[in-house]
N, C-alpha and C. Protein backbone atom coordinates (compact mmCIF):
# COMPACT_ATOMS: atom_id res chain seq x y z
N UNK A 1 0.85 -1.17 0.00
CA UNK A 1 0.00 0.00 0.00
C UNK A 1 0.89 1.24 0.00
N UNK A 2 0.57 2.18 -0.87
CA UNK A 2 1.40 3.38 -0.99
C UNK A 2 0.99 4.43 0.03
N UNK A 3 1.83 5.44 0.15
CA UNK A 3 1.53 6.57 1.03
C UNK A 3 0.25 7.26 0.57
N UNK A 4 0.05 7.38 -0.73
CA UNK A 4 -1.16 8.01 -1.28
C UNK A 4 -2.40 7.20 -0.89
N UNK A 5 -2.30 5.87 -0.97
CA UNK A 5 -3.42 5.01 -0.58
C UNK A 5 -3.78 5.23 0.89
N UNK A 6 -2.78 5.28 1.74
CA UNK A 6 -3.02 5.50 3.17
C UNK A 6 -3.65 6.85 3.44
N UNK A 7 -3.18 7.86 2.73
CA UNK A 7 -3.73 9.21 2.88
C UNK A 7 -5.20 9.24 2.48
N UNK A 8 -5.53 8.57 1.36
CA UNK A 8 -6.93 8.52 0.92
C UNK A 8 -7.81 7.76 1.90
N UNK A 9 -7.30 6.66 2.46
CA UNK A 9 -8.06 5.90 3.45
C UNK A 9 -8.30 6.73 4.72
N UNK A 10 -7.29 7.46 5.14
CA UNK A 10 -7.44 8.32 6.32
C UNK A 10 -8.48 9.42 6.06
N UNK A 11 -8.46 9.99 4.85
CA UNK A 11 -9.43 11.02 4.50
C UNK A 11 -10.85 10.45 4.49
N UNK A 12 -11.02 9.24 3.95
CA UNK A 12 -12.34 8.60 3.93
C UNK A 12 -12.84 8.34 5.35
N UNK A 13 -11.93 7.92 6.22
CA UNK A 13 -12.28 7.68 7.62
C UNK A 13 -12.76 8.97 8.28
N UNK A 14 -12.05 10.05 8.06
CA UNK A 14 -12.46 11.35 8.62
C UNK A 14 -13.80 11.78 8.06
N UNK A 15 -13.99 11.61 6.75
CA UNK A 15 -15.26 12.00 6.14
C UNK A 15 -16.41 11.15 6.66
N UNK A 16 -16.17 9.86 6.88
CA UNK A 16 -17.21 8.97 7.43
C UNK A 16 -17.59 9.38 8.85
N UNK A 17 -16.60 9.69 9.64
CA UNK A 17 -16.87 10.14 11.02
C UNK A 17 -17.63 11.46 11.01
N UNK A 18 -17.25 12.36 10.12
CA UNK A 18 -17.93 13.66 10.02
C UNK A 18 -19.39 13.44 9.66
N UNK A 19 -19.64 12.57 8.67
CA UNK A 19 -21.02 12.27 8.28
C UNK A 19 -21.79 11.65 9.44
N UNK A 20 -21.20 10.68 10.11
CA UNK A 20 -21.88 10.03 11.25
C UNK A 20 -22.26 11.04 12.32
N UNK A 21 -21.39 11.99 12.60
CA UNK A 21 -21.65 12.95 13.68
C UNK A 21 -22.72 13.97 13.32
N UNK A 22 -23.05 14.10 12.03
CA UNK A 22 -24.04 15.09 11.59
C UNK A 22 -25.16 14.45 10.77
N UNK A 23 -25.29 13.13 10.89
CA UNK A 23 -26.18 12.39 10.00
C UNK A 23 -27.60 12.95 9.99
N UNK A 24 -28.22 13.13 11.14
CA UNK A 24 -29.61 13.58 11.19
C UNK A 24 -29.78 14.98 10.61
N UNK A 25 -28.84 15.85 10.90
CA UNK A 25 -28.88 17.21 10.35
C UNK A 25 -28.79 17.19 8.83
N UNK A 26 -27.86 16.40 8.31
CA UNK A 26 -27.68 16.30 6.86
C UNK A 26 -28.88 15.61 6.23
N UNK A 27 -29.40 14.58 6.88
CA UNK A 27 -30.57 13.87 6.37
C UNK A 27 -31.76 14.81 6.21
N UNK A 28 -31.94 15.72 7.15
CA UNK A 28 -33.08 16.64 7.08
C UNK A 28 -33.02 17.55 5.86
N UNK A 29 -31.83 17.81 5.36
CA UNK A 29 -31.67 18.66 4.18
C UNK A 29 -31.50 17.88 2.88
N UNK A 30 -31.03 16.63 2.99
CA UNK A 30 -30.64 15.90 1.78
C UNK A 30 -31.27 14.51 1.66
N UNK A 31 -32.39 14.26 2.34
CA UNK A 31 -33.01 12.94 2.23
C UNK A 31 -33.36 12.64 0.77
N UNK A 32 -32.95 11.47 0.31
CA UNK A 32 -33.20 11.08 -1.07
C UNK A 32 -32.13 11.55 -2.05
N UNK A 33 -31.10 12.21 -1.53
CA UNK A 33 -30.00 12.71 -2.37
C UNK A 33 -28.76 11.84 -2.20
N UNK A 34 -27.97 11.81 -3.24
CA UNK A 34 -26.59 11.34 -3.13
C UNK A 34 -25.77 12.56 -2.74
N UNK A 35 -24.89 12.40 -1.78
CA UNK A 35 -24.03 13.51 -1.39
C UNK A 35 -22.57 13.10 -1.59
N UNK A 36 -21.74 14.05 -1.94
CA UNK A 36 -20.31 13.83 -2.07
C UNK A 36 -19.62 14.68 -0.99
N UNK A 37 -18.82 14.03 -0.18
CA UNK A 37 -18.13 14.70 0.92
C UNK A 37 -16.64 14.66 0.67
N UNK A 38 -16.01 15.81 0.84
CA UNK A 38 -14.56 15.93 0.74
C UNK A 38 -14.11 16.93 1.78
N UNK A 39 -13.07 16.60 2.49
CA UNK A 39 -12.51 17.47 3.55
C UNK A 39 -13.58 17.87 4.55
N UNK A 40 -14.39 16.92 4.96
CA UNK A 40 -15.43 17.10 5.96
C UNK A 40 -16.44 18.18 5.60
N UNK A 41 -16.80 18.25 4.32
CA UNK A 41 -17.90 19.12 3.90
C UNK A 41 -18.55 18.53 2.66
N UNK A 42 -19.82 18.85 2.49
CA UNK A 42 -20.55 18.39 1.31
C UNK A 42 -20.15 19.29 0.15
N UNK A 43 -19.58 18.69 -0.89
CA UNK A 43 -19.13 19.47 -2.03
C UNK A 43 -20.14 19.45 -3.17
N UNK A 44 -21.02 18.45 -3.22
CA UNK A 44 -22.08 18.37 -4.23
C UNK A 44 -23.16 17.42 -3.74
N UNK A 45 -24.35 17.57 -4.31
CA UNK A 45 -25.44 16.63 -4.04
C UNK A 45 -26.38 16.61 -5.23
N UNK A 46 -27.07 15.49 -5.39
CA UNK A 46 -28.07 15.37 -6.44
C UNK A 46 -28.89 14.11 -6.17
N UNK A 47 -30.11 14.09 -6.66
CA UNK A 47 -30.96 12.90 -6.51
C UNK A 47 -30.55 11.80 -7.48
N UNK A 48 -29.80 12.16 -8.51
CA UNK A 48 -29.38 11.22 -9.54
C UNK A 48 -27.87 11.01 -9.42
N UNK A 49 -27.46 9.74 -9.31
CA UNK A 49 -26.05 9.43 -9.11
C UNK A 49 -25.19 9.90 -10.28
N UNK A 50 -25.63 9.63 -11.49
CA UNK A 50 -24.85 10.03 -12.66
C UNK A 50 -24.71 11.55 -12.74
N UNK A 51 -25.78 12.28 -12.40
CA UNK A 51 -25.71 13.74 -12.41
C UNK A 51 -24.74 14.24 -11.34
N UNK A 52 -24.72 13.56 -10.20
CA UNK A 52 -23.76 13.93 -9.16
C UNK A 52 -22.33 13.79 -9.68
N UNK A 53 -22.05 12.68 -10.35
CA UNK A 53 -20.72 12.48 -10.91
C UNK A 53 -20.38 13.55 -11.94
N UNK A 54 -21.36 13.93 -12.76
CA UNK A 54 -21.15 14.99 -13.75
C UNK A 54 -20.83 16.31 -13.07
N UNK A 55 -21.55 16.63 -12.00
CA UNK A 55 -21.29 17.87 -11.26
C UNK A 55 -19.88 17.88 -10.68
N UNK A 56 -19.47 16.75 -10.11
CA UNK A 56 -18.13 16.67 -9.55
C UNK A 56 -17.09 16.89 -10.64
N UNK A 57 -17.28 16.25 -11.78
CA UNK A 57 -16.35 16.42 -12.90
C UNK A 57 -16.30 17.88 -13.35
N UNK A 58 -17.47 18.50 -13.48
CA UNK A 58 -17.55 19.90 -13.89
C UNK A 58 -16.81 20.82 -12.89
N UNK A 59 -16.89 20.46 -11.61
CA UNK A 59 -16.23 21.24 -10.56
C UNK A 59 -14.75 20.92 -10.42
N UNK A 60 -14.26 19.95 -11.21
CA UNK A 60 -12.86 19.58 -11.14
C UNK A 60 -12.52 18.73 -9.93
N UNK A 61 -13.52 18.03 -9.40
CA UNK A 61 -13.32 17.19 -8.22
C UNK A 61 -13.28 15.73 -8.66
N UNK A 62 -12.22 15.04 -8.27
CA UNK A 62 -12.07 13.62 -8.57
C UNK A 62 -13.00 12.83 -7.66
N UNK A 63 -13.98 12.14 -8.24
CA UNK A 63 -14.96 11.39 -7.45
C UNK A 63 -14.30 10.35 -6.55
N UNK A 64 -13.16 9.82 -6.97
CA UNK A 64 -12.48 8.81 -6.16
C UNK A 64 -11.90 9.40 -4.87
N UNK A 65 -11.85 10.71 -4.79
CA UNK A 65 -11.34 11.38 -3.59
C UNK A 65 -12.47 11.89 -2.69
N UNK A 66 -13.69 11.46 -2.98
CA UNK A 66 -14.84 11.87 -2.17
C UNK A 66 -15.52 10.65 -1.59
N UNK A 67 -16.23 10.86 -0.50
CA UNK A 67 -17.12 9.85 0.06
C UNK A 67 -18.49 10.14 -0.52
N UNK A 68 -19.05 9.21 -1.28
CA UNK A 68 -20.37 9.39 -1.86
C UNK A 68 -21.33 8.49 -1.09
N UNK A 69 -22.44 9.10 -0.64
CA UNK A 69 -23.38 8.39 0.21
C UNK A 69 -24.79 8.77 -0.18
N UNK A 70 -25.70 7.77 -0.21
CA UNK A 70 -27.12 8.03 -0.48
C UNK A 70 -27.81 8.25 0.85
N UNK A 71 -28.44 9.40 1.02
CA UNK A 71 -29.05 9.77 2.29
C UNK A 71 -30.48 9.23 2.37
N UNK A 72 -30.67 8.30 3.31
CA UNK A 72 -31.98 7.70 3.54
C UNK A 72 -32.13 7.35 5.01
N UNK A 73 -33.39 7.32 5.47
CA UNK A 73 -33.65 6.89 6.84
C UNK A 73 -33.51 5.38 6.98
N UNK A 74 -33.67 4.67 5.88
CA UNK A 74 -33.62 3.20 5.90
C UNK A 74 -32.20 2.73 6.15
N UNK A 75 -32.09 1.63 6.86
CA UNK A 75 -30.76 1.03 7.06
C UNK A 75 -30.32 0.43 5.73
N UNK A 76 -29.07 0.66 5.39
CA UNK A 76 -28.54 0.12 4.14
C UNK A 76 -27.53 -0.96 4.46
N UNK A 77 -27.60 -2.04 3.72
CA UNK A 77 -26.61 -3.11 3.83
C UNK A 77 -25.71 -3.00 2.61
N UNK A 78 -24.43 -2.76 2.85
CA UNK A 78 -23.49 -2.54 1.75
C UNK A 78 -22.97 -3.85 1.17
N UNK A 79 -23.05 -4.90 1.89
CA UNK A 79 -22.58 -6.17 1.36
C UNK A 79 -22.92 -7.29 2.31
N UNK A 80 -23.00 -8.49 1.77
CA UNK A 80 -23.26 -9.65 2.59
C UNK A 80 -22.28 -10.75 2.24
N UNK A 81 -22.08 -11.64 3.16
CA UNK A 81 -21.14 -12.76 2.92
C UNK A 81 -21.84 -13.90 2.22
């Protein structure tokens, strides 16, 4: 694993913690939206995933450097064994 990989993982961890600590507040404004978080702030949002990616590209933001999350009250299962 490279230094860049570790840096990106650390950034994702910080962004995840930031989202967790403000989840209800963000949900009240963005329910049903995909949000992109970078440096502990929402940099873009949209109800359509592809449009969100287009917005990020237009803004010059690399989507791989953001945490993208769909805001819903429902519990989401990201994977199963």
